[in-house]
Amino acid sequence: MPPPLFSLGQTVATPGALEALTENFQSPAEFLNRHLGGDWGDCDEHDRKENALGLKEGLRIFSVYHLRNGTKIWVITEADRSSTCILLPEEY
């Protein structure tokens, strides 16, 4: 595994995201590792460009992933790298 591109800070997850991960027998670590490595999942081109800028300028980092059953989750690392949250879009 390549070295992480940034720090996650404190990692947290919303109740809905934890429930969805559990239902799909998937671990938060699977998505946090992808996020840390620059695999932004299903982000659109605009968000990919924003993430590239975020890595250079210390801005927010945003990833979009789909669980096995198709449920969408977001992983967001704050600009100051103090925390990273896994959440469902409707919990934003």
N, C-alpha and C. Protein backbone atom coordinates (compact mmCIF):
# COMPACT_ATOMS: atom_id res chain seq x y z
N MET A 1 0.86 -1.20 0.00
CA MET A 1 0.00 0.00 0.00
C MET A 1 0.89 1.24 0.00
N PRO A 2 0.59 2.22 -0.86
CA PRO A 2 1.39 3.45 -0.91
C PRO A 2 1.21 4.25 0.38
N PRO A 3 2.16 5.14 0.67
CA PRO A 3 2.01 5.97 1.88
C PRO A 3 0.79 6.89 1.75
N PRO A 4 0.17 7.23 2.88
CA PRO A 4 -1.01 8.12 2.82
C PRO A 4 -0.64 9.49 2.27
N LEU A 5 -1.58 10.09 1.57
CA LEU A 5 -1.36 11.41 0.97
C LEU A 5 -1.60 12.55 1.95
N PHE A 6 -2.27 12.27 3.06
CA PHE A 6 -2.63 13.29 4.05
C PHE A 6 -3.02 12.59 5.34
N SER A 7 -3.27 13.37 6.37
CA SER A 7 -3.68 12.83 7.66
C SER A 7 -5.20 12.84 7.78
N LEU A 8 -5.75 11.78 8.36
CA LEU A 8 -7.20 11.70 8.56
C LEU A 8 -7.66 12.49 9.78
N GLY A 9 -6.78 12.71 10.74
CA GLY A 9 -7.20 13.28 12.01
C GLY A 9 -8.08 12.27 12.75
N GLN A 10 -8.98 12.76 13.57
CA GLN A 10 -9.91 11.87 14.26
C GLN A 10 -10.91 11.33 13.25
N THR A 11 -11.14 10.02 13.24
CA THR A 11 -12.11 9.44 12.32
C THR A 11 -13.41 9.14 13.05
N VAL A 12 -14.49 9.54 12.42
CA VAL A 12 -15.83 9.33 12.97
C VAL A 12 -16.74 8.85 11.85
N ALA A 13 -17.85 8.26 12.25
CA ALA A 13 -18.86 7.83 11.27
C ALA A 13 -20.23 8.07 11.86
N THR A 14 -21.16 8.42 11.00
CA THR A 14 -22.53 8.65 11.45
C THR A 14 -23.23 7.32 11.69
N PRO A 15 -24.30 7.33 12.48
CA PRO A 15 -25.04 6.08 12.73
C PRO A 15 -25.53 5.41 11.44
N GLY A 16 -26.01 6.19 10.50
CA GLY A 16 -26.51 5.64 9.24
C GLY A 16 -25.41 4.97 8.44
N ALA A 17 -24.24 5.59 8.40
CA ALA A 17 -23.11 5.00 7.67
C ALA A 17 -22.66 3.71 8.33
N LEU A 18 -22.58 3.71 9.66
CA LEU A 18 -22.18 2.49 10.38
C LEU A 18 -23.17 1.36 10.14
N GLU A 19 -24.45 1.69 10.15
CA GLU A 19 -25.47 0.67 9.91
C GLU A 19 -25.34 0.11 8.49
N ALA A 20 -25.14 0.99 7.51
CA ALA A 20 -25.02 0.55 6.12
C ALA A 20 -23.77 -0.33 5.93
N LEU A 21 -22.67 0.06 6.54
CA LEU A 21 -21.44 -0.74 6.45
C LEU A 21 -21.66 -2.12 7.06
N THR A 22 -22.29 -2.16 8.22
CA THR A 22 -22.56 -3.43 8.91
C THR A 22 -23.46 -4.32 8.06
N GLU A 23 -24.52 -3.74 7.49
CA GLU A 23 -25.45 -4.51 6.66
C GLU A 23 -24.75 -5.14 5.45
N ASN A 24 -23.70 -4.48 4.97
CA ASN A 24 -22.98 -4.94 3.78
C ASN A 24 -21.72 -5.73 4.12
N PHE A 25 -21.49 -5.97 5.41
CA PHE A 25 -20.30 -6.70 5.86
C PHE A 25 -19.03 -6.05 5.32
N GLN A 26 -18.99 -4.71 5.38
CA GLN A 26 -17.83 -3.96 4.92
C GLN A 26 -17.31 -3.12 6.07
N SER A 27 -16.00 -2.87 6.04
CA SER A 27 -15.32 -2.17 7.11
C SER A 27 -15.05 -0.71 6.72
N PRO A 28 -15.14 0.20 7.69
CA PRO A 28 -14.74 1.59 7.40
C PRO A 28 -13.31 1.68 6.88
N ALA A 29 -12.42 0.80 7.37
CA ALA A 29 -11.01 0.84 6.96
C ALA A 29 -10.84 0.67 5.46
N GLU A 30 -11.70 -0.14 4.85
CA GLU A 30 -11.64 -0.34 3.39
C GLU A 30 -11.73 0.99 2.65
N PHE A 31 -12.63 1.84 3.09
CA PHE A 31 -12.87 3.11 2.41
C PHE A 31 -11.91 4.19 2.87
N LEU A 32 -11.51 4.15 4.14
CA LEU A 32 -10.53 5.11 4.63
C LEU A 32 -9.19 4.90 3.93
N ASN A 33 -8.80 3.65 3.70
CA ASN A 33 -7.53 3.37 3.01
C ASN A 33 -7.58 3.85 1.57
N ARG A 34 -8.71 3.66 0.90
CA ARG A 34 -8.84 4.16 -0.48
C ARG A 34 -8.75 5.68 -0.50
N HIS A 35 -9.46 6.32 0.42
CA HIS A 35 -9.48 7.78 0.55
C HIS A 35 -8.06 8.31 0.76
N LEU A 36 -7.33 7.71 1.71
CA LEU A 36 -5.96 8.14 2.02
C LEU A 36 -5.02 7.98 0.84
N GLY A 37 -5.29 6.99 0.00
CA GLY A 37 -4.41 6.71 -1.13
C GLY A 37 -4.73 7.48 -2.38
N GLY A 38 -5.77 8.33 -2.34
CA GLY A 38 -6.12 9.13 -3.52
C GLY A 38 -7.08 8.46 -4.47
N ASP A 39 -7.69 7.35 -4.04
CA ASP A 39 -8.77 6.72 -4.81
C ASP A 39 -10.06 7.36 -4.33
N TRP A 40 -10.53 8.34 -5.08
CA TRP A 40 -11.70 9.13 -4.67
C TRP A 40 -13.01 8.44 -5.01
N GLY A 41 -12.94 7.23 -5.51
CA GLY A 41 -14.15 6.46 -5.80
C GLY A 41 -14.91 7.04 -6.97
N ASP A 42 -16.18 7.33 -6.73
CA ASP A 42 -17.09 7.77 -7.79
C ASP A 42 -17.28 9.28 -7.84
N CYS A 43 -16.27 10.04 -7.42
CA CYS A 43 -16.35 11.50 -7.52
C CYS A 43 -16.40 11.90 -8.99
N ASP A 44 -17.08 13.01 -9.24
CA ASP A 44 -17.08 13.54 -10.60
C ASP A 44 -15.78 14.30 -10.86
N GLU A 45 -15.58 14.71 -12.09
CA GLU A 45 -14.34 15.37 -12.48
C GLU A 45 -14.09 16.65 -11.68
N HIS A 46 -15.14 17.42 -11.42
CA HIS A 46 -15.00 18.65 -10.63
C HIS A 46 -14.43 18.33 -9.25
N ASP A 47 -15.00 17.33 -8.57
CA ASP A 47 -14.54 16.99 -7.23
C ASP A 47 -13.12 16.41 -7.25
N ARG A 48 -12.77 15.68 -8.31
CA ARG A 48 -11.40 15.17 -8.43
C ARG A 48 -10.40 16.33 -8.53
N LYS A 49 -10.75 17.34 -9.31
CA LYS A 49 -9.89 18.52 -9.42
C LYS A 49 -9.81 19.27 -8.10
N GLU A 50 -10.92 19.37 -7.40
CA GLU A 50 -10.93 20.01 -6.08
C GLU A 50 -10.05 19.25 -5.09
N ASN A 51 -10.07 17.91 -5.16
CA ASN A 51 -9.23 17.11 -4.28
C ASN A 51 -7.75 17.32 -4.59
N ALA A 52 -7.40 17.42 -5.87
CA ALA A 52 -6.01 17.68 -6.24
C ALA A 52 -5.56 19.01 -5.67
N LEU A 53 -6.42 20.02 -5.79
CA LEU A 53 -6.13 21.33 -5.22
C LEU A 53 -6.07 21.23 -3.70
N GLY A 54 -6.99 20.47 -3.12
CA GLY A 54 -7.02 20.30 -1.67
C GLY A 54 -5.75 19.69 -1.12
N LEU A 55 -5.16 18.75 -1.84
CA LEU A 55 -3.90 18.16 -1.41
C LEU A 55 -2.77 19.20 -1.41
N LYS A 56 -2.77 20.07 -2.42
CA LYS A 56 -1.71 21.08 -2.55
C LYS A 56 -1.91 22.24 -1.58
N GLU A 57 -3.17 22.66 -1.42
CA GLU A 57 -3.47 23.89 -0.69
C GLU A 57 -4.02 23.66 0.71
N GLY A 58 -4.17 22.41 1.12
CA GLY A 58 -4.71 22.13 2.46
C GLY A 58 -6.20 22.40 2.56
N LEU A 59 -6.95 21.98 1.54
CA LEU A 59 -8.41 22.16 1.54
C LEU A 59 -9.08 20.82 1.82
N ARG A 60 -10.39 20.83 1.91
CA ARG A 60 -11.18 19.64 2.19
C ARG A 60 -10.94 18.56 1.12
N ILE A 61 -10.98 17.29 1.53
CA ILE A 61 -10.84 16.16 0.63
C ILE A 61 -12.14 15.36 0.70
N PHE A 62 -12.70 15.02 -0.46
CA PHE A 62 -14.03 14.42 -0.55
C PHE A 62 -14.00 13.19 -1.45
N SER A 63 -14.50 12.07 -0.94
CA SER A 63 -14.60 10.84 -1.73
C SER A 63 -16.03 10.31 -1.70
N VAL A 64 -16.39 9.60 -2.76
CA VAL A 64 -17.71 8.98 -2.88
C VAL A 64 -17.52 7.50 -3.21
N TYR A 65 -18.15 6.64 -2.43
CA TYR A 65 -18.05 5.21 -2.67
C TYR A 65 -19.43 4.58 -2.63
N HIS A 66 -19.53 3.41 -3.22
CA HIS A 66 -20.78 2.64 -3.17
C HIS A 66 -20.51 1.31 -2.48
N LEU A 67 -21.37 0.98 -1.55
CA LEU A 67 -21.28 -0.30 -0.85
C LEU A 67 -21.79 -1.41 -1.76
N ARG A 68 -21.64 -2.64 -1.32
CA ARG A 68 -22.02 -3.79 -2.14
C ARG A 68 -23.47 -3.74 -2.61
N ASN A 69 -24.36 -3.19 -1.78
CA ASN A 69 -25.78 -3.13 -2.16
C ASN A 69 -26.13 -1.84 -2.90
N GLY A 70 -25.13 -1.03 -3.23
CA GLY A 70 -25.36 0.19 -3.98
C GLY A 70 -25.52 1.43 -3.13
N THR A 71 -25.57 1.29 -1.81
CA THR A 71 -25.69 2.46 -0.92
C THR A 71 -24.47 3.36 -1.10
N LYS A 72 -24.73 4.65 -1.27
CA LYS A 72 -23.66 5.63 -1.44
C LYS A 72 -23.19 6.11 -0.07
N ILE A 73 -21.86 6.16 0.11
CA ILE A 73 -21.30 6.79 1.30
C ILE A 73 -20.31 7.86 0.87
N TRP A 74 -20.17 8.85 1.71
CA TRP A 74 -19.19 9.90 1.51
C TRP A 74 -18.12 9.78 2.57
N VAL A 75 -16.88 10.13 2.23
CA VAL A 75 -15.80 10.27 3.19
C VAL A 75 -15.25 11.68 3.00
N ILE A 76 -15.27 12.46 4.07
CA ILE A 76 -14.85 13.86 4.00
C ILE A 76 -13.79 14.13 5.06
N THR A 77 -12.63 14.60 4.62
CA THR A 77 -11.58 15.03 5.53
C THR A 77 -11.58 16.55 5.54
N GLU A 78 -11.64 17.12 6.74
CA GLU A 78 -11.68 18.57 6.88
C GLU A 78 -10.38 19.21 6.40
N ALA A 79 -10.48 20.47 6.01
CA ALA A 79 -9.33 21.20 5.46
C ALA A 79 -8.15 21.22 6.43
N ASP A 80 -8.42 21.35 7.72
CA ASP A 80 -7.33 21.41 8.69
C ASP A 80 -6.83 20.03 9.10
N ARG A 81 -7.40 18.97 8.49
CA ARG A 81 -7.02 17.57 8.73
C ARG A 81 -7.26 17.15 10.18
N SER A 82 -8.17 17.85 10.87
CA SER A 82 -8.47 17.50 12.26
C SER A 82 -9.38 16.30 12.36
N SER A 83 -10.19 16.06 11.32
CA SER A 83 -11.11 14.93 11.38
C SER A 83 -11.54 14.49 9.99
N THR A 84 -11.98 13.24 9.95
CA THR A 84 -12.54 12.63 8.74
C THR A 84 -13.83 11.95 9.15
N CYS A 85 -14.88 12.16 8.36
CA CYS A 85 -16.19 11.59 8.66
C CYS A 85 -16.66 10.71 7.51
N ILE A 86 -17.19 9.55 7.87
CA ILE A 86 -17.87 8.67 6.91
C ILE A 86 -19.36 8.87 7.16
N LEU A 87 -20.10 9.19 6.11
CA LEU A 87 -21.52 9.47 6.27
C LEU A 87 -22.29 9.13 5.02
N LEU A 88 -23.60 9.04 5.18
CA LEU A 88 -24.51 8.92 4.05
C LEU A 88 -24.80 10.33 3.55
N PRO A 89 -24.98 10.52 2.24
CA PRO A 89 -25.25 11.87 1.72
C PRO A 89 -26.42 12.56 2.43
N GLU A 90 -27.45 11.80 2.77
CA GLU A 90 -28.62 12.43 3.41
C GLU A 90 -28.34 12.85 4.85
N GLU A 91 -27.20 12.45 5.40
CA GLU A 91 -26.84 12.85 6.75
C GLU A 91 -25.95 14.11 6.77
N TYR A 92 -25.64 14.64 5.61
CA TYR A 92 -24.75 15.81 5.52
C TYR A 92 -25.44 17.03 6.06
